[in-house]
Structures are given as structure tokens and as C-alpha cells.
């Protein structure tokens, strides 16, 4: 049997997502130095977690579905690591 998520939950999450979007926009106009990217990434990850848990119903899903979602994130991390490794080591190559 499927669980029914109350409309109030959707409204709270929607309001939170809109607030975080406004915060992201506001932070873009503030010079935080080296913290600009980390702050933006923390806000983006928070929004992604909210969307995954509530709108994709991972909160009420089986453990297998959660494991598949986490393994997808794991492989995404591997791919990003490989791409960044390639990008960073390009300057080490000598072209003759």
C-alpha cells in the first residue's frame, strides 16, 4: 500500500526550495571570496536532497530504491573525479 504525502509537506518543501533559490541568487551578488562556490554547492545539495526525498518519494521507498539512488550518486562521483583528474593533469603534458 502506498503512503499519501500531505499537501502541507509539499507546500513546506516548495516554500523551502523557493527560499533556497532566492538565497542562491542573493549570495551570487555578495563577494564571499573563496567561499562562493562551497556555499552555492551546499545550497544546491540541500535542494537536491529535498527534491529526492519528497518529490521523488525516496523517503517512503524500499531500501533497494534508495540503494540504487545512492549507487547512482557514487558513480557520478567517480565520473566527476575522473574528469577532474584529466582536466588537472592536462598542463603536465608536454607537446613536442
N, C-alpha and C. Protein backbone atom coordinates (compact mmCIF):
# COMPACT_ATOMS: atom_id res chain seq x y z
N UNK A 1 0.84 -1.17 0.00
CA UNK A 1 0.00 0.00 0.00
C UNK A 1 0.89 1.24 0.00
N UNK A 2 0.54 2.20 -0.82
CA UNK A 2 1.32 3.42 -0.93
C UNK A 2 0.90 4.42 0.14
N UNK A 3 1.89 5.15 0.61
CA UNK A 3 1.57 6.19 1.58
C UNK A 3 1.21 7.48 0.84
N UNK A 4 0.36 8.27 1.45
CA UNK A 4 -0.06 9.52 0.85
C UNK A 4 0.64 10.66 1.58
N UNK A 5 1.36 11.46 0.81
CA UNK A 5 2.06 12.60 1.40
C UNK A 5 1.09 13.77 1.50
N UNK A 6 0.99 14.38 2.67
CA UNK A 6 0.07 15.51 2.82
C UNK A 6 0.47 16.70 1.95
N UNK A 7 -0.50 17.47 1.55
CA UNK A 7 -0.26 18.65 0.73
C UNK A 7 0.59 19.66 1.50
N UNK A 8 0.43 19.70 2.81
CA UNK A 8 1.21 20.63 3.63
C UNK A 8 2.71 20.36 3.49
N UNK A 9 3.09 19.10 3.39
CA UNK A 9 4.51 18.75 3.21
C UNK A 9 5.03 19.30 1.90
N UNK A 10 4.24 19.12 0.84
CA UNK A 10 4.64 19.67 -0.46
C UNK A 10 4.76 21.18 -0.41
N UNK A 11 3.84 21.83 0.28
CA UNK A 11 3.86 23.29 0.37
C UNK A 11 5.09 23.77 1.14
N UNK A 12 5.42 23.08 2.23
CA UNK A 12 6.60 23.46 3.02
C UNK A 12 7.87 23.27 2.21
N UNK A 13 7.97 22.16 1.51
CA UNK A 13 9.16 21.90 0.70
C UNK A 13 9.26 22.89 -0.45
N UNK A 14 8.14 23.19 -1.08
CA UNK A 14 8.14 24.17 -2.16
C UNK A 14 8.60 25.54 -1.66
N UNK A 15 8.09 25.94 -0.51
CA UNK A 15 8.49 27.22 0.07
C UNK A 15 9.97 27.21 0.42
N UNK A 16 10.44 26.11 0.95
CA UNK A 16 11.87 25.99 1.28
C UNK A 16 12.72 26.06 0.03
N UNK A 17 12.30 25.37 -1.04
CA UNK A 17 13.06 25.41 -2.28
C UNK A 17 13.08 26.81 -2.89
N UNK A 18 11.97 27.50 -2.83
CA UNK A 18 11.94 28.87 -3.33
C UNK A 18 12.83 29.78 -2.49
N UNK A 19 12.82 29.58 -1.18
CA UNK A 19 13.69 30.36 -0.30
C UNK A 19 15.16 30.09 -0.58
N UNK A 20 15.50 28.82 -0.80
CA UNK A 20 16.89 28.48 -1.10
C UNK A 20 17.31 29.04 -2.47
N UNK A 21 16.38 29.07 -3.41
CA UNK A 21 16.68 29.66 -4.71
C UNK A 21 16.93 31.16 -4.57
N UNK A 22 16.11 31.83 -3.77
CA UNK A 22 16.32 33.25 -3.52
C UNK A 22 17.65 33.48 -2.80
N UNK A 23 17.99 32.59 -1.87
CA UNK A 23 19.27 32.69 -1.17
C UNK A 23 20.44 32.51 -2.14
N UNK A 24 20.31 31.57 -3.07
CA UNK A 24 21.35 31.36 -4.07
C UNK A 24 21.54 32.62 -4.92
N UNK A 25 20.43 33.22 -5.32
CA UNK A 25 20.50 34.44 -6.11
C UNK A 25 21.13 35.57 -5.31
N UNK A 26 20.74 35.69 -4.06
CA UNK A 26 21.31 36.74 -3.21
C UNK A 26 22.79 36.56 -2.96
N UNK A 27 23.20 35.32 -2.74
CA UNK A 27 24.62 35.02 -2.48
C UNK A 27 25.46 35.32 -3.73
N UNK A 28 24.87 35.19 -4.91
CA UNK A 28 25.61 35.44 -6.14
C UNK A 28 26.06 36.90 -6.23
N UNK A 29 25.36 37.80 -5.59
CA UNK A 29 25.70 39.21 -5.64
C UNK A 29 26.60 39.64 -4.48
N UNK A 30 26.92 38.73 -3.58
CA UNK A 30 27.78 39.03 -2.44
C UNK A 30 29.14 38.38 -2.67
N UNK A 31 30.20 39.14 -2.46
CA UNK A 31 31.54 38.59 -2.64
C UNK A 31 31.98 37.90 -1.36
N UNK A 32 32.00 36.58 -1.40
CA UNK A 32 32.44 35.79 -0.25
C UNK A 32 33.86 35.28 -0.41
N UNK A 33 34.53 35.73 -1.44
CA UNK A 33 35.89 35.28 -1.69
C UNK A 33 35.90 33.83 -2.16
N UNK A 34 36.68 33.03 -1.49
CA UNK A 34 36.80 31.62 -1.87
C UNK A 34 35.60 30.79 -1.43
N UNK A 35 34.70 31.37 -0.65
CA UNK A 35 33.55 30.62 -0.16
C UNK A 35 32.35 30.66 -1.10
N UNK A 36 32.43 31.40 -2.20
CA UNK A 36 31.30 31.48 -3.13
C UNK A 36 30.87 30.10 -3.63
N UNK A 37 31.82 29.35 -4.15
CA UNK A 37 31.48 28.04 -4.71
C UNK A 37 31.02 27.06 -3.63
N UNK A 38 31.70 26.93 -2.49
CA UNK A 38 31.22 25.99 -1.48
C UNK A 38 29.82 26.32 -0.95
N UNK A 39 29.52 27.60 -0.75
CA UNK A 39 28.20 27.98 -0.26
C UNK A 39 27.14 27.64 -1.30
N UNK A 40 27.42 27.94 -2.56
CA UNK A 40 26.48 27.62 -3.63
C UNK A 40 26.27 26.11 -3.74
N UNK A 41 27.34 25.34 -3.56
CA UNK A 41 27.22 23.88 -3.64
C UNK A 41 26.42 23.31 -2.47
N UNK A 42 26.62 23.86 -1.29
CA UNK A 42 25.84 23.40 -0.13
C UNK A 42 24.35 23.66 -0.35
N UNK A 43 24.03 24.83 -0.86
CA UNK A 43 22.63 25.15 -1.13
C UNK A 43 22.07 24.22 -2.21
N UNK A 44 22.86 23.97 -3.26
CA UNK A 44 22.40 23.08 -4.34
C UNK A 44 22.20 21.65 -3.86
N UNK A 45 23.10 21.16 -3.02
CA UNK A 45 22.95 19.80 -2.50
C UNK A 45 21.73 19.71 -1.59
N UNK A 46 21.49 20.74 -0.80
CA UNK A 46 20.31 20.77 0.06
C UNK A 46 19.04 20.71 -0.77
N UNK A 47 19.00 21.47 -1.85
CA UNK A 47 17.82 21.45 -2.72
C UNK A 47 17.66 20.07 -3.39
N UNK A 48 18.76 19.48 -3.81
CA UNK A 48 18.69 18.17 -4.45
C UNK A 48 18.19 17.10 -3.48
N UNK A 49 18.64 17.17 -2.24
CA UNK A 49 18.19 16.20 -1.23
C UNK A 49 16.70 16.37 -0.96
N UNK A 50 16.24 17.60 -0.85
CA UNK A 50 14.80 17.84 -0.63
C UNK A 50 13.97 17.30 -1.78
N UNK A 51 14.40 17.57 -3.00
CA UNK A 51 13.66 17.08 -4.16
C UNK A 51 13.66 15.56 -4.19
N UNK A 52 14.81 14.95 -3.91
CA UNK A 52 14.90 13.49 -3.94
C UNK A 52 14.02 12.84 -2.87
N UNK A 53 14.08 13.38 -1.67
CA UNK A 53 13.33 12.75 -0.57
C UNK A 53 11.82 12.94 -0.70
N UNK A 54 11.39 14.12 -1.10
CA UNK A 54 9.96 14.42 -1.08
C UNK A 54 9.32 14.18 -2.44
N UNK A 55 9.81 14.83 -3.48
CA UNK A 55 9.14 14.75 -4.78
C UNK A 55 9.42 13.44 -5.50
N UNK A 56 10.58 12.82 -5.25
CA UNK A 56 10.86 11.52 -5.86
C UNK A 56 10.47 10.37 -4.93
N UNK A 57 9.94 10.71 -3.77
CA UNK A 57 9.41 9.74 -2.80
C UNK A 57 10.45 8.74 -2.31
N UNK A 58 11.71 9.15 -2.22
CA UNK A 58 12.73 8.25 -1.69
C UNK A 58 12.57 8.02 -0.19
N UNK A 59 11.88 8.94 0.46
CA UNK A 59 11.67 8.80 1.90
C UNK A 59 10.80 7.59 2.21
N UNK A 60 9.83 7.30 1.34
CA UNK A 60 8.94 6.17 1.58
C UNK A 60 9.29 4.95 0.73
N UNK A 61 10.39 5.02 -0.02
CA UNK A 61 10.74 3.93 -0.93
C UNK A 61 11.39 2.76 -0.19
N UNK A 62 11.51 1.67 -0.92
CA UNK A 62 12.18 0.49 -0.36
C UNK A 62 13.68 0.75 -0.27
N UNK A 63 14.34 -0.09 0.47
CA UNK A 63 15.79 0.06 0.62
C UNK A 63 16.52 -0.16 -0.70
N UNK A 64 15.94 -1.00 -1.55
CA UNK A 64 16.56 -1.24 -2.85
C UNK A 64 16.56 0.03 -3.70
N UNK A 65 15.47 0.76 -3.69
CA UNK A 65 15.39 2.00 -4.45
C UNK A 65 16.37 3.03 -3.91
N UNK A 66 16.48 3.12 -2.61
CA UNK A 66 17.45 4.04 -2.00
C UNK A 66 18.87 3.62 -2.36
N UNK A 67 19.14 2.31 -2.36
CA UNK A 67 20.46 1.82 -2.71
C UNK A 67 20.80 2.15 -4.16
N UNK A 68 19.83 2.04 -5.05
CA UNK A 68 20.06 2.38 -6.45
C UNK A 68 20.35 3.87 -6.59
N UNK A 69 19.62 4.72 -5.88
CA UNK A 69 19.86 6.16 -5.93
C UNK A 69 21.24 6.50 -5.39
N UNK A 70 21.63 5.88 -4.29
CA UNK A 70 22.96 6.14 -3.72
C UNK A 70 24.08 5.62 -4.62
N UNK A 71 23.85 4.48 -5.26
CA UNK A 71 24.87 3.97 -6.17
C UNK A 71 25.01 4.87 -7.39
N UNK A 72 23.92 5.48 -7.85
CA UNK A 72 24.00 6.43 -8.95
C UNK A 72 24.84 7.64 -8.55
N UNK A 73 24.65 8.12 -7.32
CA UNK A 73 25.47 9.23 -6.83
C UNK A 73 26.94 8.84 -6.71
N UNK A 74 27.17 7.61 -6.27
CA UNK A 74 28.54 7.11 -6.16
C UNK A 74 29.23 7.11 -7.52
N UNK A 75 28.55 6.58 -8.54
CA UNK A 75 29.13 6.54 -9.88
C UNK A 75 29.28 7.93 -10.46
N UNK A 76 28.37 8.84 -10.15
CA UNK A 76 28.53 10.22 -10.59
C UNK A 76 29.79 10.82 -9.98
N UNK A 77 30.04 10.52 -8.72
CA UNK A 77 31.26 10.99 -8.07
C UNK A 77 32.51 10.43 -8.74
N UNK A 78 32.47 9.17 -9.12
CA UNK A 78 33.60 8.57 -9.82
C UNK A 78 33.83 9.28 -11.16
N UNK A 79 32.76 9.52 -11.89
CA UNK A 79 32.90 10.17 -13.19
C UNK A 79 33.43 11.60 -13.05
N UNK A 80 32.94 12.33 -12.07
CA UNK A 80 33.43 13.69 -11.85
C UNK A 80 34.90 13.67 -11.45
N UNK A 81 35.29 12.70 -10.62
CA UNK A 81 36.69 12.57 -10.23
C UNK A 81 37.58 12.28 -11.43
N UNK A 82 37.14 11.39 -12.30
CA UNK A 82 37.94 11.08 -13.49
C UNK A 82 38.06 12.27 -14.43
N UNK A 83 36.97 13.00 -14.61
CA UNK A 83 37.02 14.18 -15.48
C UNK A 83 37.94 15.24 -14.89
N UNK A 84 37.84 15.48 -13.59
CA UNK A 84 38.69 16.48 -12.96
C UNK A 84 40.16 16.06 -12.96
N UNK A 85 40.43 14.77 -12.83
CA UNK A 85 41.80 14.28 -12.91
C UNK A 85 42.38 14.56 -14.29
N UNK A 86 41.58 14.31 -15.33
CA UNK A 86 42.01 14.59 -16.69
C UNK A 86 42.26 16.09 -16.86
N UNK A 87 41.35 16.90 -16.38
CA UNK A 87 41.46 18.35 -16.54
C UNK A 87 42.69 18.92 -15.81
N UNK A 88 42.93 18.45 -14.60
CA UNK A 88 44.04 18.98 -13.80
C UNK A 88 45.39 18.55 -14.37
N UNK A 89 45.48 17.35 -14.93
CA UNK A 89 46.77 16.85 -15.41
C UNK A 89 47.06 17.26 -16.85
N UNK A 90 46.21 18.00 -17.50
CA UNK A 90 46.50 18.43 -18.88
C UNK A 90 47.74 19.31 -18.96
N UNK A 91 47.98 20.12 -17.96
CA UNK A 91 49.14 21.01 -18.00
C UNK A 91 50.46 20.25 -17.82
N UNK A 92 50.39 19.03 -17.35
CA UNK A 92 51.60 18.23 -17.16
C UNK A 92 52.12 17.62 -18.46
N UNK A 93 51.29 17.57 -19.48
CA UNK A 93 51.69 17.00 -20.75
C UNK A 93 52.56 17.98 -21.52
N UNK A 94 53.59 17.46 -22.15
CA UNK A 94 54.42 18.32 -22.99
C UNK A 94 54.12 17.99 -24.45
N UNK A 95 53.89 19.01 -25.20
CA UNK A 95 53.61 18.82 -26.62
C UNK A 95 54.85 19.19 -27.41
N UNK A 96 55.31 18.24 -28.23
CA UNK A 96 56.56 18.46 -28.92
C UNK A 96 56.36 18.77 -30.31
